[in-house]
Amino acid sequence: MEMCRQGDILIRKLSDDFTETCVFMVKDCKISKDGILMKGSMTGHHHKIDWARVFFIKEPSRDSNVFAYLVIDKEAKLTHDEHRPITIPGGVYEVRRQREVTGYVKD
């Protein structure tokens, strides 16, 4: 799996190898202790990932929607109360915030 989406979160694979990709991440990131990727502002439901190390970017760029990186050894599970769980295979991933699209545009 190269990419997956759950609501307003997009996860894109960067590499299979931690050492090759992640040296730059630790310097400018803080580590999550609870696995919550994004807190729900309206519903109170959170996007949460189990069995992964989460690195949040301390000062995200305004030009990029990337706000965190995931390092997964074997596989991880992404959950949210309003979406089906997603199993993500091992690797290094970037996590982007995106708008949830419903397919309906109101003028």
PDB file of N, CA and C in Angstrom:
ATOM      1  N   MET A   1       0.834  -1.174   0.000  1.00  0.00           N
ATOM      2  CA  MET A   1       0.000   0.000   0.000  1.00  0.00           C
ATOM      3  C   MET A   1       0.881   1.242   0.000  1.00  0.00           C
ATOM      4  N   GLU A   2       0.706   2.089  -0.970  1.00  0.00           N
ATOM      5  CA  GLU A   2       1.498   3.307  -1.076  1.00  0.00           C
ATOM      6  C   GLU A   2       0.806   4.503  -0.440  1.00  0.00           C
ATOM      7  N   MET A   3      -0.543   4.445  -0.364  1.00  0.00           N
ATOM      8  CA  MET A   3      -1.294   5.574   0.145  1.00  0.00           C
ATOM      9  C   MET A   3      -2.628   5.089   0.711  1.00  0.00           C
ATOM     10  N   CYS A   4      -3.111   5.751   1.765  1.00  0.00           N
ATOM     11  CA  CYS A   4      -4.455   5.469   2.256  1.00  0.00           C
ATOM     12  C   CYS A   4      -5.053   6.753   2.813  1.00  0.00           C
ATOM     13  N   ARG A   5      -6.352   6.758   2.913  1.00  0.00           N
ATOM     14  CA  ARG A   5      -7.056   7.939   3.370  1.00  0.00           C
ATOM     15  C   ARG A   5      -8.128   7.522   4.365  1.00  0.00           C
ATOM     16  N   GLN A   6      -8.259   8.325   5.421  1.00  0.00           N
ATOM     17  CA  GLN A   6      -9.329   8.110   6.384  1.00  0.00           C
ATOM     18  C   GLN A   6      -9.857   9.493   6.762  1.00  0.00           C
ATOM     19  N   GLY A   7     -11.016   9.837   6.208  1.00  0.00           N
ATOM     20  CA  GLY A   7     -11.595  11.156   6.473  1.00  0.00           C
ATOM     21  C   GLY A   7     -10.677  12.265   5.998  1.00  0.00           C
ATOM     22  N   ASP A   8     -10.247  13.117   6.924  1.00  0.00           N
ATOM     23  CA  ASP A   8      -9.411  14.250   6.544  1.00  0.00           C
ATOM     24  C   ASP A   8      -7.921  13.998   6.760  1.00  0.00           C
ATOM     25  N   ILE A   9      -7.524  12.723   6.821  1.00  0.00           N
ATOM     26  CA  ILE A   9      -6.113  12.353   6.929  1.00  0.00           C
ATOM     27  C   ILE A   9      -5.709  11.525   5.709  1.00  0.00           C
ATOM     28  N   LEU A  10      -4.573  11.885   5.120  1.00  0.00           N
ATOM     29  CA  LEU A  10      -3.985  11.128   4.012  1.00  0.00           C
ATOM     30  C   LEU A  10      -2.611  10.648   4.465  1.00  0.00           C
ATOM     31  N   ILE A  11      -2.349   9.353   4.307  1.00  0.00           N
ATOM     32  CA  ILE A  11      -1.074   8.765   4.704  1.00  0.00           C
ATOM     33  C   ILE A  11      -0.396   8.233   3.447  1.00  0.00           C
ATOM     34  N   ARG A  12       0.842   8.704   3.206  1.00  0.00           N
ATOM     35  CA  ARG A  12       1.579   8.327   1.995  1.00  0.00           C
ATOM     36  C   ARG A  12       2.916   7.713   2.379  1.00  0.00           C
ATOM     37  N   LYS A  13       3.207   6.556   1.788  1.00  0.00           N
ATOM     38  CA  LYS A  13       4.446   5.838   2.093  1.00  0.00           C
ATOM     39  C   LYS A  13       5.639   6.563   1.482  1.00  0.00           C
ATOM     40  N   LEU A  14       6.699   6.707   2.288  1.00  0.00           N
ATOM     41  CA  LEU A  14       7.942   7.305   1.821  1.00  0.00           C
ATOM     42  C   LEU A  14       9.007   6.252   1.544  1.00  0.00           C
ATOM     43  N   SER A  15       9.048   5.215   2.388  1.00  0.00           N
ATOM     44  CA  SER A  15      10.116   4.222   2.274  1.00  0.00           C
ATOM     45  C   SER A  15       9.763   2.972   3.076  1.00  0.00           C
ATOM     46  N   ASP A  16      10.427   1.880   2.737  1.00  0.00           N
ATOM     47  CA  ASP A  16      10.320   0.657   3.535  1.00  0.00           C
ATOM     48  C   ASP A  16      11.343   0.645   4.662  1.00  0.00           C
ATOM     49  N   ASP A  17      12.362   1.502   4.564  1.00  0.00           N
ATOM     50  CA  ASP A  17      13.518   1.444   5.458  1.00  0.00           C
ATOM     51  C   ASP A  17      13.589   2.669   6.358  1.00  0.00           C
ATOM     52  N   PHE A  18      13.539   2.442   7.661  1.00  0.00           N
ATOM     53  CA  PHE A  18      13.595   3.531   8.642  1.00  0.00           C
ATOM     54  C   PHE A  18      14.910   4.296   8.575  1.00  0.00           C
ATOM     55  N   THR A  19      16.019   3.605   8.569  1.00  0.00           N
ATOM     56  CA  THR A  19      17.327   4.265   8.671  1.00  0.00           C
ATOM     57  C   THR A  19      17.595   5.172   7.486  1.00  0.00           C
ATOM     58  N   GLU A  20      17.150   4.784   6.327  1.00  0.00           N
ATOM     59  CA  GLU A  20      17.403   5.552   5.106  1.00  0.00           C
ATOM     60  C   GLU A  20      16.629   6.870   5.090  1.00  0.00           C
ATOM     61  N   THR A  21      15.423   6.882   5.620  1.00  0.00           N
ATOM     62  CA  THR A  21      14.523   8.006   5.457  1.00  0.00           C
ATOM     63  C   THR A  21      14.404   8.899   6.677  1.00  0.00           C
ATOM     64  N   CYS A  22      14.589   8.376   7.863  1.00  0.00           N
ATOM     65  CA  CYS A  22      14.120   9.057   9.072  1.00  0.00           C
ATOM     66  C   CYS A  22      15.146   9.857   9.839  1.00  0.00           C
ATOM     67  N   VAL A  23      16.349   9.918   9.390  1.00  0.00           N
ATOM     68  CA  VAL A  23      17.359  10.662  10.132  1.00  0.00           C
ATOM     69  C   VAL A  23      16.936  12.120  10.287  1.00  0.00           C
ATOM     70  N   PHE A  24      16.347  12.704   9.247  1.00  0.00           N
ATOM     71  CA  PHE A  24      15.947  14.110   9.281  1.00  0.00           C
ATOM     72  C   PHE A  24      14.728  14.352  10.171  1.00  0.00           C
ATOM     73  N   MET A  25      13.934  13.352  10.436  1.00  0.00           N
ATOM     74  CA  MET A  25      12.664  13.541  11.129  1.00  0.00           C
ATOM     75  C   MET A  25      12.823  13.840  12.612  1.00  0.00           C
ATOM     76  N   VAL A  26      13.678  13.147  13.283  1.00  0.00           N
ATOM     77  CA  VAL A  26      13.763  13.231  14.734  1.00  0.00           C
ATOM     78  C   VAL A  26      14.176  14.633  15.183  1.00  0.00           C
ATOM     79  N   LYS A  27      15.010  15.298  14.421  1.00  0.00           N
ATOM     80  CA  LYS A  27      15.539  16.603  14.799  1.00  0.00           C
ATOM     81  C   LYS A  27      14.447  17.667  14.953  1.00  0.00           C
ATOM     82  N   ASP A  28      13.491  17.723  14.049  1.00  0.00           N
ATOM     83  CA  ASP A  28      12.490  18.785  14.037  1.00  0.00           C
ATOM     84  C   ASP A  28      11.103  18.311  14.451  1.00  0.00           C
ATOM     85  N   CYS A  29      11.019  17.219  15.199  1.00  0.00           N
ATOM     86  CA  CYS A  29       9.718  16.646  15.551  1.00  0.00           C
ATOM     87  C   CYS A  29       9.617  16.357  17.036  1.00  0.00           C
ATOM     88  N   LYS A  30       8.370  16.254  17.498  1.00  0.00           N
ATOM     89  CA  LYS A  30       8.120  15.772  18.855  1.00  0.00           C
ATOM     90  C   LYS A  30       7.388  14.443  18.742  1.00  0.00           C
ATOM     91  N   ILE A  31       7.605  13.557  19.677  1.00  0.00           N
ATOM     92  CA  ILE A  31       7.046  12.207  19.620  1.00  0.00           C
ATOM     93  C   ILE A  31       5.709  12.161  20.348  1.00  0.00           C
ATOM     94  N   SER A  32       4.727  11.520  19.731  1.00  0.00           N
ATOM     95  CA  SER A  32       3.413  11.332  20.346  1.00  0.00           C
ATOM     96  C   SER A  32       3.477  10.218  21.370  1.00  0.00           C
ATOM     97  N   LYS A  33       2.822  10.422  22.500  1.00  0.00           N
ATOM     98  CA  LYS A  33       2.790   9.388  23.532  1.00  0.00           C
ATOM     99  C   LYS A  33       1.489   8.594  23.511  1.00  0.00           C
ATOM    100  N   ASP A  34       0.438   9.134  22.873  1.00  0.00           N
ATOM    101  CA  ASP A  34      -0.869   8.475  22.911  1.00  0.00           C
ATOM    102  C   ASP A  34      -1.337   7.914  21.570  1.00  0.00           C
ATOM    103  N   GLY A  35      -0.594   8.161  20.483  1.00  0.00           N
ATOM    104  CA  GLY A  35      -0.965   7.633  19.171  1.00  0.00           C
ATOM    105  C   GLY A  35      -2.072   8.399  18.474  1.00  0.00           C
ATOM    106  N   ILE A  36      -2.527   9.501  19.057  1.00  0.00           N
ATOM    107  CA  ILE A  36      -3.581  10.289  18.409  1.00  0.00           C
ATOM    108  C   ILE A  36      -2.950  11.166  17.331  1.00  0.00           C
ATOM    109  N   LEU A  37      -3.395  10.956  16.079  1.00  0.00           N
ATOM    110  CA  LEU A  37      -2.873  11.746  14.963  1.00  0.00           C
ATOM    111  C   LEU A  37      -3.571  13.093  14.860  1.00  0.00           C
ATOM    112  N   MET A  38      -4.899  13.086  15.025  1.00  0.00           N
ATOM    113  CA  MET A  38      -5.658  14.320  14.910  1.00  0.00           C
ATOM    114  C   MET A  38      -6.877  14.222  15.812  1.00  0.00           C
ATOM    115  N   LYS A  39      -7.111  15.276  16.569  1.00  0.00           N
ATOM    116  CA  LYS A  39      -8.271  15.316  17.457  1.00  0.00           C
ATOM    117  C   LYS A  39      -9.449  15.921  16.723  1.00  0.00           C
ATOM    118  N   GLY A  40     -10.612  15.320  16.902  1.00  0.00           N
ATOM    119  CA  GLY A  40     -11.824  15.817  16.268  1.00  0.00           C
ATOM    120  C   GLY A  40     -12.318  17.068  16.965  1.00  0.00           C
ATOM    121  N   SER A  41     -12.390  18.168  16.245  1.00  0.00           N
ATOM    122  CA  SER A  41     -12.798  19.432  16.855  1.00  0.00           C
ATOM    123  C   SER A  41     -14.307  19.523  17.034  1.00  0.00           C
ATOM    124  N   MET A  42     -15.067  18.957  16.113  1.00  0.00           N
ATOM    125  CA  MET A  42     -16.524  19.060  16.196  1.00  0.00           C
ATOM    126  C   MET A  42     -17.156  17.855  16.890  1.00  0.00           C
ATOM    127  N   THR A  43     -16.707  16.654  16.556  1.00  0.00           N
ATOM    128  CA  THR A  43     -17.345  15.445  17.079  1.00  0.00           C
ATOM    129  C   THR A  43     -16.646  14.888  18.317  1.00  0.00           C
ATOM    130  N   GLY A  44     -15.407  15.278  18.527  1.00  0.00           N
ATOM    131  CA  GLY A  44     -14.645  14.704  19.634  1.00  0.00           C
ATOM    132  C   GLY A  44     -14.041  13.355  19.316  1.00  0.00           C
ATOM    133  N   HIS A  45     -14.245  12.866  18.083  1.00  0.00           N
ATOM    134  CA  HIS A  45     -13.657  11.591  17.663  1.00  0.00           C
ATOM    135  C   HIS A  45     -12.244  11.843  17.153  1.00  0.00           C
ATOM    136  N   HIS A  46     -11.339  10.951  17.501  1.00  0.00           N
ATOM    137  CA  HIS A  46      -9.936  11.120  17.139  1.00  0.00           C
ATOM    138  C   HIS A  46      -9.492  10.087  16.110  1.00  0.00           C
ATOM    139  N   HIS A  47      -8.555  10.482  15.243  1.00  0.00           N
ATOM    140  CA  HIS A  47      -7.833   9.526  14.410  1.00  0.00           C
ATOM    141  C   HIS A  47      -6.690   9.025  15.280  1.00  0.00           C
ATOM    142  N   LYS A  48      -6.657   7.714  15.508  1.00  0.00           N
ATOM    143  CA  LYS A  48      -5.645   7.137  16.392  1.00  0.00           C
ATOM    144  C   LYS A  48      -4.970   5.974  15.696  1.00  0.00           C
ATOM    145  N   ILE A  49      -3.664   5.853  15.921  1.00  0.00           N
ATOM    146  CA  ILE A  49      -2.927   4.742  15.329  1.00  0.00           C
ATOM    147  C   ILE A  49      -2.238   3.946  16.436  1.00  0.00           C
ATOM    148  N   ASP A  50      -2.382   2.635  16.366  1.00  0.00           N
ATOM    149  CA  ASP A  50      -1.747   1.736  17.327  1.00  0.00           C
ATOM    150  C   ASP A  50      -0.558   1.060  16.658  1.00  0.00           C
ATOM    151  N   TRP A  51       0.444   0.748  17.461  1.00  0.00           N
ATOM    152  CA  TRP A  51       1.642   0.018  17.011  1.00  0.00           C
ATOM    153  C   TRP A  51       2.468   0.812  15.993  1.00  0.00           C
ATOM    154  N   ALA A  52       2.566   2.113  16.207  1.00  0.00           N
ATOM    155  CA  ALA A  52       3.400   2.954  15.333  1.00  0.00           C
ATOM    156  C   ALA A  52       4.041   4.041  16.176  1.00  0.00           C
ATOM    157  N   ARG A  53       5.192   4.500  15.737  1.00  0.00           N
ATOM    158  CA  ARG A  53       5.812   5.680  16.352  1.00  0.00           C
ATOM    159  C   ARG A  53       5.371   6.887  15.532  1.00  0.00           C
ATOM    160  N   VAL A  54       4.870   7.904  16.218  1.00  0.00           N
ATOM    161  CA  VAL A  54       4.352   9.096  15.559  1.00  0.00           C
ATOM    162  C   VAL A  54       5.269  10.267  15.893  1.00  0.00           C
ATOM    163  N   PHE A  55       5.740  10.956  14.853  1.00  0.00           N
ATOM    164  CA  PHE A  55       6.587  12.136  15.009  1.00  0.00           C
ATOM    165  C   PHE A  55       5.836  13.336  14.456  1.00  0.00           C
ATOM    166  N   PHE A  56       5.436  14.266  15.332  1.00  0.00           N
ATOM    167  CA  PHE A  56       4.758  15.480  14.876  1.00  0.00           C
ATOM    168  C   PHE A  56       5.788  16.545  14.541  1.00  0.00           C
ATOM    169  N   ILE A  57       5.601  17.234  13.438  1.00  0.00           N
ATOM    170  CA  ILE A  57       6.487  18.323  13.045  1.00  0.00           C
ATOM    171  C   ILE A  57       6.220  19.502  13.978  1.00  0.00           C
ATOM    172  N   LYS A  58       7.269  20.021  14.613  1.00  0.00           N
ATOM    173  CA  LYS A  58       7.104  21.109  15.578  1.00  0.00           C
ATOM    174  C   LYS A  58       6.599  22.387  14.924  1.00  0.00           C
ATOM    175  N   GLU A  59       7.126  22.704  13.770  1.00  0.00           N
ATOM    176  CA  GLU A  59       6.715  23.914  13.058  1.00  0.00           C
ATOM    177  C   GLU A  59       6.408  23.555  11.605  1.00  0.00           C
ATOM    178  N   PRO A  60       5.191  23.059  11.348  1.00  0.00           N
ATOM    179  CA  PRO A  60       4.849  22.673   9.967  1.00  0.00           C
ATOM    180  C   PRO A  60       4.916  23.856   9.012  1.00  0.00           C
ATOM    181  N   SER A  61       5.327  23.591   7.798  1.00  0.00           N
ATOM    182  CA  SER A  61       5.394  24.610   6.754  1.00  0.00           C
ATOM    183  C   SER A  61       3.989  24.999   6.308  1.00  0.00           C
ATOM    184  N   ARG A  62       3.796  26.250   6.015  1.00  0.00           N
ATOM    185  CA  ARG A  62       2.494  26.693   5.495  1.00  0.00           C
ATOM    186  C   ARG A  62       2.257  26.195   4.076  1.00  0.00           C
ATOM    187  N   ASP A  63       3.331  25.844   3.386  1.00  0.00           N
ATOM    188  CA  ASP A  63       3.220  25.380   2.000  1.00  0.00           C
ATOM    189  C   ASP A  63       2.905  23.896   1.903  1.00  0.00           C
ATOM    190  N   SER A  64       2.947  23.196   3.008  1.00  0.00           N
ATOM    191  CA  SER A  64       2.755  21.752   2.994  1.00  0.00           C
ATOM    192  C   SER A  64       1.667  21.368   3.983  1.00  0.00           C
ATOM    193  N   ASN A  65       0.906  20.349   3.658  1.00  0.00           N
ATOM    194  CA  ASN A  65      -0.106  19.823   4.570  1.00  0.00           C
ATOM    195  C   ASN A  65       0.439  18.705   5.439  1.00  0.00           C
ATOM    196  N   VAL A  66       1.736  18.396   5.301  1.00  0.00           N
ATOM    197  CA  VAL A  66       2.343  17.341   6.114  1.00  0.00           C
ATOM    198  C   VAL A  66       2.502  17.856   7.540  1.00  0.00           C
ATOM    199  N   PHE A  67       1.948  17.109   8.517  1.00  0.00           N
ATOM    200  CA  PHE A  67       2.085  17.538   9.902  1.00  0.00           C
ATOM    201  C   PHE A  67       2.708  16.470  10.795  1.00  0.00           C
ATOM    202  N   ALA A  68       2.916  15.259  10.257  1.00  0.00           N
ATOM    203  CA  ALA A  68       3.513  14.195  11.073  1.00  0.00           C
ATOM    204  C   ALA A  68       4.106  13.119  10.170  1.00  0.00           C
ATOM    205  N   TYR A  69       4.942  12.273  10.788  1.00  0.00           N
ATOM    206  CA  TYR A  69       5.497  11.095  10.127  1.00  0.00           C
ATOM    207  C   TYR A  69       5.202   9.885  10.998  1.00  0.00           C
ATOM    208  N   LEU A  70       5.027   8.743  10.356  1.00  0.00           N
ATOM    209  CA  LEU A  70       4.813   7.476  11.053  1.00  0.00           C
ATOM    210  C   LEU A  70       5.958   6.531  10.751  1.00  0.00           C
ATOM    211  N   VAL A  71       6.401   5.812  11.753  1.00  0.00           N
ATOM    212  CA  VAL A  71       7.364   4.730  11.564  1.00  0.00           C
ATOM    213  C   VAL A  71       6.692   3.469  12.093  1.00  0.00           C
ATOM    214  N   ILE A  72       6.476   2.518  11.198  1.00  0.00           N
ATOM    215  CA  ILE A  72       5.751   1.291  11.526  1.00  0.00           C
ATOM    216  C   ILE A  72       6.683   0.109  11.295  1.00  0.00           C
ATOM    217  N   ASP A  73       6.900  -0.694  12.334  1.00  0.00           N
ATOM    218  CA  ASP A  73       7.812  -1.835  12.207  1.00  0.00           C
ATOM    219  C   ASP A  73       7.204  -2.969  11.388  1.00  0.00           C
ATOM    220  N   LYS A  74       6.033  -3.465  11.783  1.00  0.00           N
ATOM    221  CA  LYS A  74       5.419  -4.588  11.065  1.00  0.00           C
ATOM    222  C   LYS A  74       4.110  -4.178  10.416  1.00  0.00           C
ATOM    223  N   GLU A  75       3.153  -3.763  11.226  1.00  0.00           N
ATOM    224  CA  GLU A  75       1.918  -3.192  10.720  1.00  0.00           C
ATOM    225  C   GLU A  75       1.255  -2.420  11.841  1.00  0.00           C
ATOM    226  N   ALA A  76       0.389  -1.495  11.474  1.00  0.00           N
ATOM    227  CA  ALA A  76      -0.309  -0.667  12.445  1.00  0.00           C
ATOM    228  C   ALA A  76      -1.777  -0.571  12.053  1.00  0.00           C
ATOM    229  N   LYS A  77      -2.588  -0.121  13.002  1.00  0.00           N
ATOM    230  CA  LYS A  77      -4.016  -0.014  12.755  1.00  0.00           C
ATOM    231  C   LYS A  77      -4.454   1.431  13.016  1.00  0.00           C
ATOM    232  N   LEU A  78      -5.055   2.058  12.005  1.00  0.00           N
ATOM    233  CA  LEU A  78      -5.583   3.413  12.105  1.00  0.00           C
ATOM    234  C   LEU A  78      -7.078   3.325  12.360  1.00  0.00           C
ATOM    235  N   THR A  79      -7.549   3.976  13.429  1.00  0.00           N
ATOM    236  CA  THR A  79      -8.962   3.899  13.790  1.00  0.00           C
ATOM    237  C   THR A  79      -9.578   5.281  13.959  1.00  0.00           C
ATOM    238  N   HIS A  80     -10.888   5.328  13.784  1.00  0.00           N
ATOM    239  CA  HIS A  80     -11.706   6.524  13.988  1.00  0.00           C
ATOM    240  C   HIS A  80     -13.137   6.043  14.149  1.00  0.00           C
ATOM    241  N   ASP A  81     -13.891   6.668  15.025  1.00  0.00           N
ATOM    242  CA  ASP A  81     -15.263   6.213  15.306  1.00  0.00           C
ATOM    243  C   ASP A  81     -16.194   6.278  14.098  1.00  0.00           C
ATOM    244  N   GLU A  82     -15.923   7.148  13.139  1.00  0.00           N
ATOM    245  CA  GLU A  82     -16.827   7.321  11.993  1.00  0.00           C
ATOM    246  C   GLU A  82     -16.333   6.651  10.716  1.00  0.00           C
ATOM    247  N   HIS A  83     -15.197   5.936  10.783  1.00  0.00           N
ATOM    248  CA  HIS A  83     -14.619   5.303   9.592  1.00  0.00           C
ATOM    249  C   HIS A  83     -14.208   3.873   9.917  1.00  0.00           C
ATOM    250  N   ARG A  84     -14.108   3.060   8.871  1.00  0.00           N
ATOM    251  CA  ARG A  84     -13.601   1.698   9.062  1.00  0.00           C
ATOM    252  C   ARG A  84     -12.116   1.750   9.418  1.00  0.00           C
ATOM    253  N   PRO A  85     -11.651   0.823  10.262  1.00  0.00           N
ATOM    254  CA  PRO A  85     -10.213   0.784  10.577  1.00  0.00           C
ATOM    255  C   PRO A  85      -9.397   0.414   9.338  1.00  0.00           C
ATOM    256  N   ILE A  86      -8.181   0.902   9.303  1.00  0.00           N
ATOM    257  CA  ILE A  86      -7.274   0.616   8.187  1.00  0.00           C
ATOM    258  C   ILE A  86      -6.005  -0.004   8.754  1.00  0.00           C
ATOM    259  N   THR A  87      -5.582  -1.127   8.173  1.00  0.00           N
ATOM    260  CA  THR A  87      -4.315  -1.750   8.549  1.00  0.00           C
ATOM    261  C   THR A  87      -3.242  -1.244   7.596  1.00  0.00           C
ATOM    262  N   ILE A  88      -2.165  -0.740   8.169  1.00  0.00           N
ATOM    263  CA  ILE A  88      -1.077  -0.147   7.375  1.00  0.00           C
ATOM    264  C   ILE A  88       0.171  -1.000   7.560  1.00  0.00           C
ATOM    265  N   PRO A  89       0.771  -1.458   6.454  1.00  0.00           N
ATOM    266  CA  PRO A  89       1.974  -2.293   6.563  1.00  0.00           C
ATOM    267  C   PRO A  89       3.189  -1.492   7.031  1.00  0.00           C
ATOM    268  N   GLY A  90       4.225  -2.201   7.443  1.00  0.00           N
ATOM    269  CA  GLY A  90       5.452  -1.567   7.924  1.00  0.00           C
ATOM    270  C   GLY A  90       6.064  -0.633   6.908  1.00  0.00           C
ATOM    271  N   GLY A  91       6.719   0.406   7.415  1.00  0.00           N
ATOM    272  CA  GLY A  91       7.385   1.384   6.561  1.00  0.00           C
ATOM    273  C   GLY A  91       7.409   2.747   7.218  1.00  0.00           C
ATOM    274  N   VAL A  92       7.814   3.732   6.441  1.00  0.00           N
ATOM    275  CA  VAL A  92       7.871   5.117   6.881  1.00  0.00           C
ATOM    276  C   VAL A  92       6.868   5.899   6.052  1.00  0.00           C
ATOM    277  N   TYR A  93       6.028   6.692   6.723  1.00  0.00           N
ATOM    278  CA  TYR A  93       4.929   7.396   6.061  1.00  0.00           C
ATOM    279  C   TYR A  93       4.889   8.856   6.475  1.00  0.00           C
ATOM    280  N   GLU A  94       4.392   9.699   5.575  1.00  0.00           N
ATOM    281  CA  GLU A  94       4.063  11.067   5.954  1.00  0.00           C
ATOM    282  C   GLU A  94       2.556  11.146   6.151  1.00  0.00           C
ATOM    283  N   VAL A  95       2.128  12.026   7.046  1.00  0.00           N
ATOM    284  CA  VAL A  95       0.709  12.196   7.337  1.00  0.00           C
ATOM    285  C   VAL A  95       0.325  13.615   6.950  1.00  0.00           C
ATOM    286  N   ARG A  96      -0.669  13.721   6.072  1.00  0.00           N
ATOM    287  CA  ARG A  96      -1.128  15.020   5.587  1.00  0.00           C
ATOM    288  C   ARG A  96      -2.549  15.287   6.044  1.00  0.00           C
ATOM    289  N   ARG A  97      -2.817  16.542   6.312  1.00  0.00           N
ATOM    290  CA  ARG A  97      -4.183  16.979   6.597  1.00  0.00           C
ATOM    291  C   ARG A  97      -4.801  17.372   5.257  1.00  0.00           C
ATOM    292  N   GLN A  98      -6.015  16.935   5.024  1.00  0.00           N
ATOM    293  CA  GLN A  98      -6.715  17.298   3.790  1.00  0.00           C
ATOM    294  C   GLN A  98      -8.180  17.503   4.098  1.00  0.00           C
ATOM    295  N   ARG A  99      -8.856  18.108   3.179  1.00  0.00           N
ATOM    296  CA  ARG A  99     -10.294  18.308   3.345  1.00  0.00           C
ATOM    297  C   ARG A  99     -11.015  17.022   3.023  1.00  0.00           C
ATOM    298  N   GLU A 100     -12.031  16.738   3.801  1.00  0.00           N
ATOM    299  CA  GLU A 100     -12.860  15.560   3.523  1.00  0.00           C
ATOM    300  C   GLU A 100     -13.833  15.932   2.411  1.00  0.00           C
ATOM    301  N   VAL A 101     -13.837  15.173   1.332  1.00  0.00           N
ATOM    302  CA  VAL A 101     -14.668  15.447   0.165  1.00  0.00           C
ATOM    303  C   VAL A 101     -15.910  14.568   0.201  1.00  0.00           C
ATOM    304  N   THR A 102     -17.072  15.192   0.040  1.00  0.00           N
ATOM    305  CA  THR A 102     -18.305  14.421   0.052  1.00  0.00           C
ATOM    306  C   THR A 102     -18.850  14.182  -1.340  1.00  0.00           C
ATOM    307  N   GLY A 103     -18.322  14.918  -2.333  1.00  0.00           N
ATOM    308  CA  GLY A 103     -18.788  14.744  -3.702  1.00  0.00           C
ATOM    309  C   GLY A 103     -19.887  15.715  -4.086  1.00  0.00           C
ATOM    310  N   TYR A 104     -20.334  16.494  -3.120  1.00  0.00           N
ATOM    311  CA  TYR A 104     -21.402  17.455  -3.381  1.00  0.00           C
ATOM    312  C   TYR A 104     -20.847  18.868  -3.190  1.00  0.00           C
ATOM    313  N   VAL A 105     -21.025  19.693  -4.199  1.00  0.00           N
ATOM    314  CA  VAL A 105     -20.580  21.083  -4.135  1.00  0.00           C
ATOM    315  C   VAL A 105     -21.791  21.984  -4.189  1.00  0.00           C
ATOM    316  N   LYS A 106     -21.899  22.868  -3.215  1.00  0.00           N
ATOM    317  CA  LYS A 106     -23.028  23.793  -3.158  1.00  0.00           C
ATOM    318  C   LYS A 106     -22.578  25.168  -3.653  1.00  0.00           C
ATOM    319  N   ASP A 107     -23.331  25.745  -4.592  1.00  0.00           N
ATOM    320  CA  ASP A 107     -22.985  27.087  -5.113  1.00  0.00           C
ATOM    321  C   ASP A 107     -23.544  28.164  -4.242  1.00  0.00           C
TER     322      ASP A 107
END
